[in-house]
PDB file of N, CA and C in Angstrom:
ATOM      1  N   MET A   1      95.468 -16.300 -68.415  1.00  0.00           N
ATOM      2  CA  MET A   1      94.985 -15.796 -67.999  1.00  0.00           C
ATOM      3  C   MET A   1      95.935 -16.474 -66.024  1.00  0.00           C
ATOM      4  N   SER A   2      95.798 -15.439 -65.476  1.00  0.00           N
ATOM      5  CA  SER A   2      96.023 -16.071 -64.342  1.00  0.00           C
ATOM      6  C   SER A   2      95.603 -15.819 -62.971  1.00  0.00           C
ATOM      7  N   ALA A   3      96.480 -16.497 -61.439  1.00  0.00           N
ATOM      8  CA  ALA A   3      95.508 -16.719 -60.545  1.00  0.00           C
ATOM      9  C   ALA A   3      95.416 -15.334 -59.773  1.00  0.00           C
ATOM     10  N   ASP A   4      94.174 -14.710 -59.560  1.00  0.00           N
ATOM     11  CA  ASP A   4      94.340 -14.425 -58.403  1.00  0.00           C
ATOM     12  C   ASP A   4      93.403 -13.552 -57.723  1.00  0.00           C
ATOM     13  N   SER A   5      93.739 -14.655 -56.214  1.00  0.00           N
ATOM     14  CA  SER A   5      93.455 -14.902 -55.013  1.00  0.00           C
ATOM     15  C   SER A   5      91.864 -13.727 -54.985  1.00  0.00           C
ATOM     16  N   SER A   6      92.381 -12.979 -54.824  1.00  0.00           N
ATOM     17  CA  SER A   6      91.491 -11.341 -55.177  1.00  0.00           C
ATOM     18  C   SER A   6      89.904 -11.789 -55.029  1.00  0.00           C
ATOM     19  N   ALA A   7      90.343 -12.514 -56.747  1.00  0.00           N
ATOM     20  CA  ALA A   7      89.360 -12.256 -57.651  1.00  0.00           C
ATOM     21  C   ALA A   7      88.623 -13.360 -57.230  1.00  0.00           C
ATOM     22  N   THR A   8      88.970 -14.432 -55.875  1.00  0.00           N
ATOM     23  CA  THR A   8      87.301 -14.989 -55.319  1.00  0.00           C
ATOM     24  C   THR A   8      86.530 -14.673 -54.184  1.00  0.00           C
ATOM     25  N   PRO A   9      85.306 -15.307 -53.800  1.00  0.00           N
ATOM     26  CA  PRO A   9      85.068 -14.708 -53.163  1.00  0.00           C
ATOM     27  C   PRO A   9      85.526 -15.413 -51.918  1.00  0.00           C
ATOM     28  N   PRO A  10      85.181 -14.463 -50.327  1.00  0.00           N
ATOM     29  CA  PRO A  10      85.383 -15.025 -49.155  1.00  0.00           C
ATOM     30  C   PRO A  10      84.010 -16.217 -48.569  1.00  0.00           C
ATOM     31  N   ARG A  11      84.523 -17.575 -47.981  1.00  0.00           N
ATOM     32  CA  ARG A  11      83.198 -18.714 -48.227  1.00  0.00           C
ATOM     33  C   ARG A  11      82.442 -17.963 -46.867  1.00  0.00           C
ATOM     34  N   ARG A  12      81.179 -18.022 -47.254  1.00  0.00           N
ATOM     35  CA  ARG A  12      80.316 -17.963 -46.414  1.00  0.00           C
ATOM     36  C   ARG A  12      80.091 -19.800 -45.432  1.00  0.00           C
ATOM     37  N   PRO A  13      79.906 -19.745 -44.455  1.00  0.00           N
ATOM     38  CA  PRO A  13      78.852 -20.201 -43.693  1.00  0.00           C
ATOM     39  C   PRO A  13      77.735 -20.975 -44.140  1.00  0.00           C
ATOM     40  N   SER A  14      76.894 -22.070 -44.584  1.00  0.00           N
ATOM     41  CA  SER A  14      75.438 -21.855 -44.147  1.00  0.00           C
ATOM     42  C   SER A  14      75.072 -21.886 -43.909  1.00  0.00           C
ATOM     43  N   PRO A  15      73.953 -21.349 -43.667  1.00  0.00           N
ATOM     44  CA  PRO A  15      72.612 -21.007 -42.449  1.00  0.00           C
ATOM     45  C   PRO A  15      72.206 -21.470 -41.662  1.00  0.00           C
ATOM     46  N   GLY A  16      71.938 -21.318 -40.852  1.00  0.00           N
ATOM     47  CA  GLY A  16      72.115 -22.427 -39.336  1.00  0.00           C
ATOM     48  C   GLY A  16      73.492 -23.080 -38.916  1.00  0.00           C
ATOM     49  N   PHE A  17      74.802 -22.251 -39.641  1.00  0.00           N
ATOM     50  CA  PHE A  17      75.798 -22.815 -38.443  1.00  0.00           C
ATOM     51  C   PHE A  17      76.219 -21.340 -38.327  1.00  0.00           C
ATOM     52  N   SER A  18      77.149 -21.883 -36.841  1.00  0.00           N
ATOM     53  CA  SER A  18      78.048 -20.282 -36.504  1.00  0.00           C
ATOM     54  C   SER A  18      78.965 -20.937 -36.149  1.00  0.00           C
ATOM     55  N   LEU A  19      80.780 -19.627 -36.163  1.00  0.00           N
ATOM     56  CA  LEU A  19      80.923 -19.642 -36.070  1.00  0.00           C
ATOM     57  C   LEU A  19      81.624 -19.229 -34.500  1.00  0.00           C
ATOM     58  N   SER A  20      80.548 -18.850 -33.867  1.00  0.00           N
ATOM     59  CA  SER A  20      81.138 -18.171 -32.912  1.00  0.00           C
ATOM     60  C   SER A  20      81.674 -19.437 -31.328  1.00  0.00           C
ATOM     61  N   ARG A  21      82.223 -19.752 -30.553  1.00  0.00           N
ATOM     62  CA  ARG A  21      82.223 -20.734 -29.632  1.00  0.00           C
ATOM     63  C   ARG A  21      80.447 -20.209 -28.802  1.00  0.00           C
ATOM     64  N   THR A  22      79.637 -19.752 -28.476  1.00  0.00           N
ATOM     65  CA  THR A  22      79.062 -19.334 -27.696  1.00  0.00           C
ATOM     66  C   THR A  22      77.449 -19.898 -28.854  1.00  0.00           C
ATOM     67  N   PRO A  23      77.595 -20.149 -27.611  1.00  0.00           N
ATOM     68  CA  PRO A  23      75.885 -21.153 -27.848  1.00  0.00           C
ATOM     69  C   PRO A  23      75.095 -19.614 -27.962  1.00  0.00           C
ATOM     70  N   PRO A  24      74.157 -20.847 -28.075  1.00  0.00           N
ATOM     71  CA  PRO A  24      72.763 -19.265 -28.691  1.00  0.00           C
ATOM     72  C   PRO A  24      72.215 -19.520 -27.371  1.00  0.00           C
ATOM     73  N   PRO A  25      71.030 -18.141 -26.772  1.00  0.00           N
ATOM     74  CA  PRO A  25      70.443 -18.208 -25.961  1.00  0.00           C
ATOM     75  C   PRO A  25      69.292 -20.169 -24.972  1.00  0.00           C
ATOM     76  N   GLY A  26      69.734 -20.147 -24.783  1.00  0.00           N
ATOM     77  CA  GLY A  26      68.285 -21.628 -24.204  1.00  0.00           C
ATOM     78  C   GLY A  26      69.085 -22.172 -24.666  1.00  0.00           C
ATOM     79  N   THR A  27      70.475 -22.486 -25.539  1.00  0.00           N
ATOM     80  CA  THR A  27      70.209 -23.871 -25.579  1.00  0.00           C
ATOM     81  C   THR A  27      72.198 -24.280 -24.651  1.00  0.00           C
ATOM     82  N   GLY A  28      72.157 -23.249 -24.171  1.00  0.00           N
ATOM     83  CA  GLY A  28      74.325 -23.848 -24.203  1.00  0.00           C
ATOM     84  C   GLY A  28      74.119 -24.347 -22.567  1.00  0.00           C
ATOM     85  N   THR A  29      75.124 -24.595 -22.002  1.00  0.00           N
ATOM     86  CA  THR A  29      75.455 -24.642 -20.785  1.00  0.00           C
ATOM     87  C   THR A  29      75.520 -24.304 -19.229  1.00  0.00           C
ATOM     88  N   PRO A  30      74.278 -24.585 -18.456  1.00  0.00           N
ATOM     89  CA  PRO A  30      73.764 -24.047 -17.346  1.00  0.00           C
ATOM     90  C   PRO A  30      75.056 -22.817 -16.752  1.00  0.00           C
ATOM     91  N   ALA A  31      74.720 -21.516 -16.751  1.00  0.00           N
ATOM     92  CA  ALA A  31      75.900 -21.395 -15.351  1.00  0.00           C
ATOM     93  C   ALA A  31      76.205 -21.913 -13.979  1.00  0.00           C
ATOM     94  N   PRO A  32      77.332 -21.774 -13.609  1.00  0.00           N
ATOM     95  CA  PRO A  32      77.323 -22.638 -12.482  1.00  0.00           C
ATOM     96  C   PRO A  32      76.304 -21.046 -11.036  1.00  0.00           C
ATOM     97  N   GLN A  33      76.135 -21.844 -10.348  1.00  0.00           N
ATOM     98  CA  GLN A  33      75.261 -21.798  -8.730  1.00  0.00           C
ATOM     99  C   GLN A  33      75.953 -22.327  -7.579  1.00  0.00           C
ATOM    100  N   SER A  34      76.069 -20.858  -6.964  1.00  0.00           N
ATOM    101  CA  SER A  34      76.152 -21.790  -5.674  1.00  0.00           C
ATOM    102  C   SER A  34      74.833 -22.198  -4.883  1.00  0.00           C
ATOM    103  N   MET A  35      75.664 -22.618  -3.964  1.00  0.00           N
ATOM    104  CA  MET A  35      74.187 -23.967  -3.618  1.00  0.00           C
ATOM    105  C   MET A  35      74.820 -24.722  -2.095  1.00  0.00           C
ATOM    106  N   THR A  36      74.279 -24.371  -0.896  1.00  0.00           N
ATOM    107  CA  THR A  36      74.409 -25.815   0.454  1.00  0.00           C
ATOM    108  C   THR A  36      73.389 -26.882  -0.376  1.00  0.00           C
ATOM    109  N   LEU A  37      74.621 -27.946   0.109  1.00  0.00           N
ATOM    110  CA  LEU A  37      73.754 -29.916  -0.526  1.00  0.00           C
ATOM    111  C   LEU A  37      73.849 -30.751   1.416  1.00  0.00           C
ATOM    112  N   ARG A  38      72.530 -30.568   2.188  1.00  0.00           N
ATOM    113  CA  ARG A  38      72.145 -31.736   2.470  1.00  0.00           C
ATOM    114  C   ARG A  38      71.887 -33.221   2.462  1.00  0.00           C
ATOM    115  N   GLY A  39      72.154 -34.060   2.778  1.00  0.00           N
ATOM    116  CA  GLY A  39      71.801 -35.449   2.505  1.00  0.00           C
ATOM    117  C   GLY A  39      73.009 -36.592   2.911  1.00  0.00           C
ATOM    118  N   THR A  40      72.538 -37.753   2.537  1.00  0.00           N
ATOM    119  CA  THR A  40      73.464 -38.940   2.981  1.00  0.00           C
ATOM    120  C   THR A  40      74.487 -39.578   1.632  1.00  0.00           C
ATOM    121  N   VAL A  41      75.592 -39.583   1.476  1.00  0.00           N
ATOM    122  CA  VAL A  41      76.701 -39.556   0.565  1.00  0.00           C
ATOM    123  C   VAL A  41      76.125 -40.855   0.734  1.00  0.00           C
ATOM    124  N   GLU A  42      75.956 -41.429  -1.152  1.00  0.00           N
ATOM    125  CA  GLU A  42      75.995 -42.457  -1.607  1.00  0.00           C
ATOM    126  C   GLU A  42      76.945 -43.032  -2.412  1.00  0.00           C
ATOM    127  N   ALA A  43      77.553 -44.354  -2.662  1.00  0.00           N
ATOM    128  CA  ALA A  43      78.957 -44.698  -3.875  1.00  0.00           C
ATOM    129  C   ALA A  43      77.696 -44.343  -4.990  1.00  0.00           C
ATOM    130  N   GLY A  44      78.406 -43.990  -6.113  1.00  0.00           N
ATOM    131  CA  GLY A  44      77.854 -44.291  -6.910  1.00  0.00           C
ATOM    132  C   GLY A  44      78.143 -45.189  -7.762  1.00  0.00           C
ATOM    133  N   VAL A  45      77.285 -45.382  -9.148  1.00  0.00           N
ATOM    134  CA  VAL A  45      77.342 -46.491  -9.814  1.00  0.00           C
ATOM    135  C   VAL A  45      78.952 -46.450 -10.596  1.00  0.00           C
ATOM    136  N   GLU A  46      79.556 -46.256 -11.069  1.00  0.00           N
ATOM    137  CA  GLU A  46      81.042 -45.647 -11.495  1.00  0.00           C
ATOM    138  C   GLU A  46      81.943 -45.587  -9.865  1.00  0.00           C
ATOM    139  N   ARG A  47      82.814 -46.871 -10.082  1.00  0.00           N
ATOM    140  CA  ARG A  47      84.209 -46.613  -9.067  1.00  0.00           C
ATOM    141  C   ARG A  47      84.794 -45.597  -8.846  1.00  0.00           C
ATOM    142  N   GLY A  48      84.532 -44.460  -7.345  1.00  0.00           N
ATOM    143  CA  GLY A  48      85.664 -43.887  -6.792  1.00  0.00           C
ATOM    144  C   GLY A  48      84.152 -42.824  -6.423  1.00  0.00           C
ATOM    145  N   CYS A  49      82.428 -42.508  -7.452  1.00  0.00           N
ATOM    146  CA  CYS A  49      82.573 -41.762  -7.549  1.00  0.00           C
ATOM    147  C   CYS A  49      81.745 -42.223  -6.409  1.00  0.00           C
ATOM    148  N   LEU A  50      80.827 -40.675  -6.041  1.00  0.00           N
ATOM    149  CA  LEU A  50      80.189 -40.285  -5.263  1.00  0.00           C
ATOM    150  C   LEU A  50      78.863 -39.319  -5.269  1.00  0.00           C
ATOM    151  N   VAL A  51      78.084 -39.251  -4.575  1.00  0.00           N
ATOM    152  CA  VAL A  51      76.509 -39.006  -4.366  1.00  0.00           C
ATOM    153  C   VAL A  51      76.011 -38.285  -4.023  1.00  0.00           C
ATOM    154  N   LEU A  52      75.010 -37.367  -3.766  1.00  0.00           N
ATOM    155  CA  LEU A  52      74.257 -36.948  -2.301  1.00  0.00           C
ATOM    156  C   LEU A  52      73.084 -36.656  -3.084  1.00  0.00           C
ATOM    157  N   THR A  53      71.729 -37.393  -3.021  1.00  0.00           N
ATOM    158  CA  THR A  53      70.204 -36.650  -3.850  1.00  0.00           C
ATOM    159  C   THR A  53      69.595 -35.499  -2.674  1.00  0.00           C
ATOM    160  N   HIS A  54      69.950 -34.476  -2.889  1.00  0.00           N
ATOM    161  CA  HIS A  54      68.632 -32.952  -1.708  1.00  0.00           C
ATOM    162  C   HIS A  54      67.593 -32.276  -2.935  1.00  0.00           C
ATOM    163  N   GLU A  55      66.978 -32.412  -2.226  1.00  0.00           N
ATOM    164  CA  GLU A  55      65.914 -31.903  -2.768  1.00  0.00           C
ATOM    165  C   GLU A  55      65.255 -32.847  -4.240  1.00  0.00           C
ATOM    166  N   GLY A  56      65.182 -34.031  -3.885  1.00  0.00           N
ATOM    167  CA  GLY A  56      64.580 -35.106  -5.157  1.00  0.00           C
ATOM    168  C   GLY A  56      66.020 -34.581  -6.013  1.00  0.00           C
ATOM    169  N   VAL A  57      67.201 -33.614  -6.325  1.00  0.00           N
ATOM    170  CA  VAL A  57      68.112 -34.122  -7.255  1.00  0.00           C
ATOM    171  C   VAL A  57      69.439 -34.162  -6.820  1.00  0.00           C
ATOM    172  N   THR A  58      70.140 -35.113  -8.013  1.00  0.00           N
ATOM    173  CA  THR A  58      70.847 -36.235  -8.346  1.00  0.00           C
ATOM    174  C   THR A  58      73.177 -35.102  -8.022  1.00  0.00           C
ATOM    175  N   TYR A  59      73.339 -35.263  -7.044  1.00  0.00           N
ATOM    176  CA  TYR A  59      75.106 -34.783  -7.489  1.00  0.00           C
ATOM    177  C   TYR A  59      75.896 -34.683  -7.300  1.00  0.00           C
ATOM    178  N   LEU A  60      76.150 -34.421  -8.214  1.00  0.00           N
ATOM    179  CA  LEU A  60      77.879 -36.152  -7.682  1.00  0.00           C
ATOM    180  C   LEU A  60      79.244 -34.939  -7.433  1.00  0.00           C
ATOM    181  N   LEU A  61      79.352 -35.093  -6.441  1.00  0.00           N
ATOM    182  CA  LEU A  61      81.368 -33.971  -5.276  1.00  0.00           C
ATOM    183  C   LEU A  61      82.174 -34.655  -5.521  1.00  0.00           C
ATOM    184  N   LEU A  62      82.538 -33.325  -6.096  1.00  0.00           N
ATOM    185  CA  LEU A  62      84.358 -33.663  -6.838  1.00  0.00           C
ATOM    186  C   LEU A  62      84.415 -32.084  -5.898  1.00  0.00           C
ATOM    187  N   ASP A  63      86.216 -32.965  -5.762  1.00  0.00           N
ATOM    188  CA  ASP A  63      87.021 -32.414  -4.772  1.00  0.00           C
ATOM    189  C   ASP A  63      86.697 -32.518  -3.301  1.00  0.00           C
ATOM    190  N   ALA A  64      86.024 -33.333  -2.788  1.00  0.00           N
ATOM    191  CA  ALA A  64      85.065 -33.429  -1.534  1.00  0.00           C
ATOM    192  C   ALA A  64      86.096 -34.298  -0.374  1.00  0.00           C
ATOM    193  N   ASP A  65      86.627 -33.737   1.083  1.00  0.00           N
ATOM    194  CA  ASP A  65      87.165 -34.451   1.781  1.00  0.00           C
ATOM    195  C   ASP A  65      86.357 -35.520   2.022  1.00  0.00           C
ATOM    196  N   PRO A  66      88.375 -36.287   1.816  1.00  0.00           N
ATOM    197  CA  PRO A  66      87.587 -37.996   2.067  1.00  0.00           C
ATOM    198  C   PRO A  66      87.104 -38.467   3.364  1.00  0.00           C
ATOM    199  N   ASP A  67      87.114 -37.421   4.651  1.00  0.00           N
ATOM    200  CA  ASP A  67      87.695 -38.269   5.449  1.00  0.00           C
ATOM    201  C   ASP A  67      85.998 -37.778   5.990  1.00  0.00           C
ATOM    202  N   VAL A  68      85.038 -36.745   5.372  1.00  0.00           N
ATOM    203  CA  VAL A  68      84.189 -36.326   5.696  1.00  0.00           C
ATOM    204  C   VAL A  68      82.310 -37.126   5.206  1.00  0.00           C
ATOM    205  N   VAL A  69      83.418 -36.881   3.546  1.00  0.00           N
ATOM    206  CA  VAL A  69      82.854 -37.341   2.503  1.00  0.00           C
ATOM    207  C   VAL A  69      82.884 -38.483   2.240  1.00  0.00           C
ATOM    208  N   ARG A  70      82.004 -39.729   2.286  1.00  0.00           N
ATOM    209  CA  ARG A  70      82.403 -41.192   2.401  1.00  0.00           C
ATOM    210  C   ARG A  70      81.181 -41.420   2.171  1.00  0.00           C
ATOM    211  N   PRO A  71      80.504 -42.564   1.477  1.00  0.00           N
ATOM    212  CA  PRO A  71      79.661 -43.685   1.629  1.00  0.00           C
ATOM    213  C   PRO A  71      79.004 -43.648   2.513  1.00  0.00           C
ATOM    214  N   GLY A  72      77.111 -43.540   2.753  1.00  0.00           N
ATOM    215  CA  GLY A  72      77.176 -43.444   4.336  1.00  0.00           C
ATOM    216  C   GLY A  72      76.425 -42.660   5.293  1.00  0.00           C
ATOM    217  N   ALA A  73      77.480 -41.354   4.865  1.00  0.00           N
ATOM    218  CA  ALA A  73      77.786 -40.551   5.338  1.00  0.00           C
ATOM    219  C   ALA A  73      76.821 -38.495   5.461  1.00  0.00           C
ATOM    220  N   ARG A  74      76.180 -38.439   6.315  1.00  0.00           N
ATOM    221  CA  ARG A  74      75.395 -37.440   6.165  1.00  0.00           C
ATOM    222  C   ARG A  74      76.077 -36.163   6.054  1.00  0.00           C
ATOM    223  N   VAL A  75      75.353 -35.328   5.821  1.00  0.00           N
ATOM    224  CA  VAL A  75      76.062 -33.870   5.005  1.00  0.00           C
ATOM    225  C   VAL A  75      75.428 -32.936   4.820  1.00  0.00           C
ATOM    226  N   THR A  76      76.867 -32.372   5.201  1.00  0.00           N
ATOM    227  CA  THR A  76      76.620 -30.738   4.293  1.00  0.00           C
ATOM    228  C   THR A  76      77.519 -30.391   3.863  1.00  0.00           C
ATOM    229  N   VAL A  77      76.535 -29.944   2.540  1.00  0.00           N
ATOM    230  CA  VAL A  77      77.895 -29.126   1.585  1.00  0.00           C
ATOM    231  C   VAL A  77      78.205 -28.114   1.196  1.00  0.00           C
ATOM    232  N   ARG A  78      78.765 -27.351   0.824  1.00  0.00           N
ATOM    233  CA  ARG A  78      79.017 -26.132  -0.018  1.00  0.00           C
ATOM    234  C   ARG A  78      79.719 -26.379  -1.305  1.00  0.00           C
ATOM    235  N   GLY A  79      79.140 -25.418  -1.906  1.00  0.00           N
ATOM    236  CA  GLY A  79      80.265 -25.277  -3.228  1.00  0.00           C
ATOM    237  C   GLY A  79      79.365 -24.386  -4.416  1.00  0.00           C
ATOM    238  N   ARG A  80      79.532 -25.584  -5.760  1.00  0.00           N
ATOM    239  CA  ARG A  80      79.095 -25.121  -6.425  1.00  0.00           C
ATOM    240  C   ARG A  80      78.897 -25.725  -7.762  1.00  0.00           C
ATOM    241  N   THR A  81      77.627 -25.398  -8.698  1.00  0.00           N
ATOM    242  CA  THR A  81      77.435 -26.606  -9.460  1.00  0.00           C
ATOM    243  C   THR A  81      78.535 -26.540  -9.947  1.00  0.00           C
ATOM    244  N   ALA A  82      79.030 -27.726 -11.209  1.00  0.00           N
ATOM    245  CA  ALA A  82      80.502 -27.594 -12.177  1.00  0.00           C
ATOM    246  C   ALA A  82      79.417 -28.107 -13.414  1.00  0.00           C
ATOM    247  N   PRO A  83      78.325 -27.477 -14.196  1.00  0.00           N
ATOM    248  CA  PRO A  83      77.801 -27.978 -15.163  1.00  0.00           C
ATOM    249  C   PRO A  83      78.727 -28.180 -16.797  1.00  0.00           C
ATOM    250  N   GLY A  84      79.663 -27.505 -16.906  1.00  0.00           N
ATOM    251  CA  GLY A  84      80.763 -27.839 -17.919  1.00  0.00           C
ATOM    252  C   GLY A  84      81.776 -29.162 -17.716  1.00  0.00           C
ATOM    253  N   VAL A  85      81.219 -29.657 -16.589  1.00  0.00           N
ATOM    254  CA  VAL A  85      82.821 -30.349 -16.589  1.00  0.00           C
ATOM    255  C   VAL A  85      82.302 -31.825 -16.414  1.00  0.00           C
ATOM    256  N   MET A  86      83.345 -32.370 -17.197  1.00  0.00           N
ATOM    257  CA  MET A  86      83.316 -33.946 -18.181  1.00  0.00           C
ATOM    258  C   MET A  86      83.900 -34.994 -17.069  1.00  0.00           C
ATOM    259  N   THR A  87      83.114 -36.039 -16.643  1.00  0.00           N
ATOM    260  CA  THR A  87      83.035 -36.724 -16.038  1.00  0.00           C
ATOM    261  C   THR A  87      83.234 -38.257 -16.256  1.00  0.00           C
ATOM    262  N   THR A  88      83.793 -39.598 -15.347  1.00  0.00           N
ATOM    263  CA  THR A  88      83.548 -40.561 -16.071  1.00  0.00           C
ATOM    264  C   THR A  88      82.664 -40.891 -14.956  1.00  0.00           C
ATOM    265  N   CYS A  89      82.201 -40.116 -14.622  1.00  0.00           N
ATOM    266  CA  CYS A  89      81.139 -40.806 -13.455  1.00  0.00           C
ATOM    267  C   CYS A  89      79.688 -41.533 -13.751  1.00  0.00           C
ATOM    268  N   MET A  90      79.648 -40.786 -15.114  1.00  0.00           N
ATOM    269  CA  MET A  90      78.476 -40.350 -15.793  1.00  0.00           C
ATOM    270  C   MET A  90      77.585 -40.870 -14.594  1.00  0.00           C
ATOM    271  N   GLN A  91      76.825 -39.402 -13.414  1.00  0.00           N
ATOM    272  CA  GLN A  91      76.220 -39.775 -13.281  1.00  0.00           C
ATOM    273  C   GLN A  91      75.819 -38.563 -11.670  1.00  0.00           C
ATOM    274  N   GLY A  92      74.863 -37.753 -11.821  1.00  0.00           N
ATOM    275  CA  GLY A  92      74.543 -36.810 -11.127  1.00  0.00           C
ATOM    276  C   GLY A  92      74.911 -35.366 -11.628  1.00  0.00           C
ATOM    277  N   ILE A  93      75.112 -34.793 -11.032  1.00  0.00           N
ATOM    278  CA  ILE A  93      75.054 -33.225 -11.698  1.00  0.00           C
ATOM    279  C   ILE A  93      75.967 -32.493 -11.328  1.00  0.00           C
ATOM    280  N   PRO A  94      77.261 -32.699 -11.935  1.00  0.00           N
ATOM    281  CA  PRO A  94      77.841 -31.980 -11.154  1.00  0.00           C
ATOM    282  C   PRO A  94      78.760 -31.027 -10.055  1.00  0.00           C
ATOM    283  N   PHE A  95      79.254 -31.625  -8.642  1.00  0.00           N
ATOM    284  CA  PHE A  95      79.071 -30.239  -7.610  1.00  0.00           C
ATOM    285  C   PHE A  95      80.689 -30.540  -7.383  1.00  0.00           C
ATOM    286  N   GLU A  96      81.001 -28.911  -6.954  1.00  0.00           N
ATOM    287  CA  GLU A  96      82.533 -28.992  -6.604  1.00  0.00           C
ATOM    288  C   GLU A  96      81.986 -28.368  -5.000  1.00  0.00           C
ATOM    289  N   VAL A  97      82.463 -29.150  -4.510  1.00  0.00           N
ATOM    290  CA  VAL A  97      83.008 -29.014  -3.160  1.00  0.00           C
ATOM    291  C   VAL A  97      83.390 -27.830  -2.152  1.00  0.00           C
ATOM    292  N   SER A  98      82.663 -27.075  -2.377  1.00  0.00           N
ATOM    293  CA  SER A  98      84.326 -25.978  -1.434  1.00  0.00           C
ATOM    294  C   SER A  98      84.512 -26.003   0.631  1.00  0.00           C
ATOM    295  N   GLU A  99      82.785 -26.357   1.576  1.00  0.00           N
ATOM    296  CA  GLU A  99      82.621 -27.390   2.236  1.00  0.00           C
ATOM    297  C   GLU A  99      82.401 -28.039   2.752  1.00  0.00           C
ATOM    298  N   ALA A 100      82.747 -28.971   3.818  1.00  0.00           N
ATOM    299  CA  ALA A 100      82.069 -30.250   3.372  1.00  0.00           C
ATOM    300  C   ALA A 100      82.199 -30.299   5.120  1.00  0.00           C
ATOM    301  N   HIS A 101      80.564 -30.529   5.786  1.00  0.00           N
ATOM    302  CA  HIS A 101      80.755 -31.031   7.886  1.00  0.00           C
ATOM    303  C   HIS A 101      80.421 -32.151   7.445  1.00  0.00           C
ATOM    304  N   PRO A 102      80.162 -33.044   8.847  1.00  0.00           N
ATOM    305  CA  PRO A 102      79.018 -34.024   9.344  1.00  0.00           C
ATOM    306  C   PRO A 102      77.410 -32.791   9.243  1.00  0.00           C
ATOM    307  N   ALA A 103      76.667 -33.744   9.475  1.00  0.00           N
ATOM    308  CA  ALA A 103      74.952 -32.942   9.443  1.00  0.00           C
ATOM    309  C   ALA A 103      75.049 -33.267  10.778  1.00  0.00           C
TER     310      ALA A 103
END
């Protein structure tokens, strides 16, 4: 008997398993959102991390100008949320700062 690879049916994923990299609706990472935040910058729980609480939500400030965004500074920052960005800060919603000004 000869081995014929065309006689083997293709493997099918089990129910509930998807080969797609796109998560099902309502279960994936939220889309980035452009925002302006105002508040006082605080040191995060991890060294080198800076956070700002705006309207009751804590944001992790990324790529901010260190001359403006530092612990204790009242600031206005513009940028966008970056929900897919991995950090070691373990605190707040990642927020990529594009502009920062003293408040």
